[in-house]
Amino acid sequence: MIIIKNLDTIALDIATHIKTVVPDHPASIAVLKHGIAVVINTVSIIVLTIGLSFITGKVEETILAMISFSILRQVVGGIHLRSNIVCIVVSTALLTALSFVNLNYNWIVITSVLSIILVLVYAPSRIDGKTRIPKRHYPLLKIFGVFIITLNLWLAISVVAASFFVQSLTLIGGRCEK
């Protein structure tokens, strides 16, 4: 029977090994573990999603979905799933599905306007304790998020509009205190 280790266990093993090899490293095992887990999670999503995009023939669309989703997410935040494995599976499936979206210009405008409204109401969301950005700058994140979405009204890229809309939905219910 093959036992697949939990990603947190793998990250802990790597962090512990690093600390053994370099005992004077300034980061604690917990800090190293967290950083390594984030890298494993992100790399897994990228590799799996791009791998699937070669199978589906939607490489360009998938890359656009990944870039646009992640840029807006970095600016305005969003929901975090409880498990790394669930995050990898859901993110890979979502980004792959977004690569198939083909909206006409009217739908690009509608989804963009809805995204802007969601960002204005809920952003930034769930970034407290996860960023070094001072709270006094949170209104700027909201403005920058709106700017990014508005830019796609000019570019009119269907996959990007859909990606922004889905990312904006992840903001609901998680407003940060201003």
Protein backbone atom coordinates (compact mmCIF):
# COMPACT_ATOMS: atom_id res chain seq x y z
CA MET A 1 0.00 0.00 0.00
CA ILE A 2 1.35 3.41 -0.99
CA ILE A 3 1.01 6.14 1.63
CA ILE A 4 0.99 9.71 0.35
CA LYS A 5 2.32 12.14 2.90
CA ASN A 6 0.37 15.25 3.76
CA LEU A 7 1.95 18.36 2.21
CA ASP A 8 2.41 19.84 5.68
CA THR A 9 4.36 16.74 6.71
CA ILE A 10 6.57 17.02 3.62
CA ALA A 11 7.15 20.71 4.32
CA LEU A 12 7.99 19.91 7.95
CA ASP A 13 10.45 17.20 6.87
CA ILE A 14 12.19 19.61 4.49
CA ALA A 15 12.25 22.42 7.08
CA THR A 16 13.66 20.08 9.71
CA HIS A 17 16.33 18.89 7.28
CA ILE A 18 17.28 22.49 6.46
CA LYS A 19 17.58 23.28 10.17
CA THR A 20 19.72 20.17 10.67
CA VAL A 21 22.06 21.07 7.82
CA VAL A 22 22.13 24.79 8.68
CA PRO A 23 21.42 24.99 12.43
CA ASP A 24 22.27 28.69 12.59
CA HIS A 25 19.68 29.60 9.96
CA PRO A 26 17.75 32.57 11.39
CA ALA A 27 14.31 31.19 10.50
CA SER A 28 12.56 28.80 12.86
CA ILE A 29 11.35 25.40 11.68
CA ALA A 30 7.77 26.72 11.79
CA VAL A 31 8.62 29.67 9.55
CA LEU A 32 10.57 27.45 7.13
CA LYS A 33 7.72 24.91 7.09
CA HIS A 34 5.16 27.59 6.22
CA GLY A 35 7.28 29.02 3.41
CA ILE A 36 8.01 25.60 1.97
CA ALA A 37 4.32 24.61 2.15
CA VAL A 38 3.36 27.77 0.24
CA VAL A 39 5.95 26.99 -2.44
CA ILE A 40 4.85 23.35 -2.76
CA ASN A 41 1.21 24.44 -2.97
CA THR A 42 1.87 27.11 -5.61
CA VAL A 43 4.19 24.99 -7.73
CA SER A 44 1.73 22.08 -7.61
CA ILE A 45 -1.12 24.25 -8.85
CA ILE A 46 1.00 25.74 -11.65
CA VAL A 47 2.44 22.42 -12.83
CA LEU A 48 -0.88 20.54 -12.70
CA THR A 49 -2.84 23.35 -14.35
CA ILE A 50 -0.35 23.88 -17.16
CA GLY A 51 -0.07 20.10 -17.61
CA LEU A 52 -3.85 19.89 -18.02
CA SER A 53 -3.80 22.85 -20.40
CA PHE A 54 -1.59 20.89 -22.80
CA ILE A 55 -4.15 18.09 -22.74
CA THR A 56 -7.09 20.47 -23.28
CA GLY A 57 -5.29 22.59 -25.86
CA LYS A 58 -5.99 25.76 -23.84
CA VAL A 59 -2.45 26.72 -22.81
CA GLU A 60 -2.71 30.46 -23.55
CA GLU A 61 -6.12 30.76 -21.94
CA THR A 62 -4.99 28.82 -18.87
CA ILE A 63 -1.92 31.01 -18.41
CA LEU A 64 -4.09 34.14 -18.75
CA ALA A 65 -6.51 32.74 -16.15
CA MET A 66 -3.68 31.89 -13.74
CA ILE A 67 -1.97 35.26 -14.09
CA SER A 68 -5.11 37.39 -13.86
CA PHE A 69 -6.57 35.40 -10.97
CA SER A 70 -3.34 35.53 -8.97
CA ILE A 71 -2.65 39.22 -9.61
CA LEU A 72 -6.09 40.27 -8.40
CA ARG A 73 -5.85 37.84 -5.47
CA GLN A 74 -2.52 39.33 -4.36
CA VAL A 75 -4.07 42.80 -4.35
CA VAL A 76 -7.50 42.20 -2.81
CA GLY A 77 -7.20 38.88 -0.97
CA GLY A 78 -9.85 36.19 -0.90
CA ILE A 79 -10.91 32.94 0.70
CA HIS A 80 -8.34 30.38 1.83
CA LEU A 81 -9.24 26.72 1.73
CA ARG A 82 -8.56 24.67 4.86
CA SER A 83 -6.36 22.02 3.25
CA ASN A 84 -3.42 22.31 0.88
CA ILE A 85 -4.64 19.30 -1.11
CA VAL A 86 -8.15 20.76 -1.43
CA CYS A 87 -6.61 24.09 -2.48
CA ILE A 88 -4.52 22.39 -5.17
CA VAL A 89 -7.45 20.36 -6.52
CA VAL A 90 -9.98 23.22 -6.44
CA SER A 91 -7.54 25.78 -7.88
CA THR A 92 -6.41 23.45 -10.67
CA ALA A 93 -9.99 22.56 -11.59
CA LEU A 94 -11.13 26.18 -11.41
CA LEU A 95 -8.28 27.57 -13.50
CA THR A 96 -8.71 24.80 -16.05
CA ALA A 97 -12.46 25.49 -16.25
CA LEU A 98 -11.85 29.24 -16.63
CA SER A 99 -9.72 28.54 -19.71
CA PHE A 100 -12.89 27.40 -21.51
CA VAL A 101 -14.90 30.58 -20.81
CA ASN A 102 -15.75 32.56 -23.92
CA LEU A 103 -17.76 35.71 -23.16
CA ASN A 104 -18.91 38.26 -25.68
CA TYR A 105 -18.15 41.93 -24.97
CA ASN A 106 -21.50 42.54 -23.23
CA TRP A 107 -20.78 39.73 -20.76
CA ILE A 108 -17.23 40.99 -20.28
CA VAL A 109 -18.71 44.36 -19.26
CA ILE A 110 -21.35 42.76 -16.99
CA THR A 111 -18.87 40.49 -15.18
CA SER A 112 -16.37 43.34 -14.89
CA VAL A 113 -18.92 45.71 -13.38
CA LEU A 114 -20.01 43.00 -10.93
CA SER A 115 -16.35 42.36 -10.06
CA ILE A 116 -15.77 46.06 -9.45
CA ILE A 117 -18.80 46.22 -7.15
CA LEU A 118 -17.60 43.17 -5.20
CA VAL A 119 -14.12 44.66 -4.84
CA LEU A 120 -15.56 48.00 -3.70
CA VAL A 121 -17.75 46.31 -1.10
CA TYR A 122 -15.52 43.49 0.19
CA ALA A 123 -11.86 44.18 -0.61
CA PRO A 124 -9.46 43.67 0.91
CA SER A 125 -10.62 40.33 2.26
CA ARG A 126 -8.91 37.87 4.58
CA ILE A 127 -5.46 39.49 4.42
CA ASP A 128 -5.16 40.44 8.09
CA GLY A 129 -2.14 38.65 9.51
CA LYS A 130 -1.10 37.45 6.07
CA THR A 131 0.49 40.62 4.73
CA ARG A 132 2.97 43.23 5.83
CA ILE A 133 0.86 45.97 4.25
CA PRO A 134 -0.28 48.41 6.96
CA LYS A 135 -4.06 48.72 7.39
CA ARG A 136 -3.87 52.40 6.47
CA HIS A 137 -3.06 51.27 2.90
CA TYR A 138 -6.04 48.92 2.56
CA PRO A 139 -8.14 51.55 0.71
CA LEU A 140 -5.34 51.73 -1.88
CA LEU A 141 -5.63 47.96 -2.41
CA LYS A 142 -9.31 48.42 -3.16
CA ILE A 143 -8.55 51.20 -5.66
CA PHE A 144 -5.78 49.18 -7.29
CA GLY A 145 -8.12 46.16 -7.55
CA VAL A 146 -10.74 48.28 -9.30
CA PHE A 147 -8.05 49.67 -11.62
CA ILE A 148 -6.90 46.16 -12.59
CA ILE A 149 -10.44 45.05 -13.39
CA THR A 150 -11.17 48.27 -15.29
CA LEU A 151 -8.07 47.74 -17.40
CA ASN A 152 -9.65 44.58 -18.79
CA LEU A 153 -12.67 46.57 -19.96
CA TRP A 154 -10.24 48.16 -22.40
CA LEU A 155 -8.46 44.89 -23.22
CA ALA A 156 -11.72 42.90 -23.32
CA ILE A 157 -10.18 39.49 -22.69
CA SER A 158 -12.94 37.01 -21.92
CA VAL A 159 -10.91 34.61 -19.77
CA VAL A 160 -9.52 37.50 -17.74
CA ALA A 161 -13.00 38.93 -17.10
CA ALA A 162 -14.23 35.51 -15.94
CA SER A 163 -11.14 35.03 -13.80
CA PHE A 164 -11.59 38.43 -12.15
CA PHE A 165 -15.25 37.69 -11.51
CA VAL A 166 -14.56 34.34 -9.84
CA GLN A 167 -11.74 35.86 -7.78
CA SER A 168 -14.05 38.71 -6.72
CA LEU A 169 -16.59 36.15 -5.51
CA THR A 170 -13.94 34.77 -3.12
CA LEU A 171 -13.96 38.13 -1.31
CA ILE A 172 -17.54 37.79 -0.06
CA GLY A 173 -17.88 37.42 3.68
CA GLY A 174 -14.32 38.26 4.57
CA ARG A 175 -13.98 42.00 4.81
CA CYS A 176 -10.92 43.29 6.62
CA GLU A 177 -11.37 45.95 9.23
CA LYS A 178 -10.43 49.34 7.85
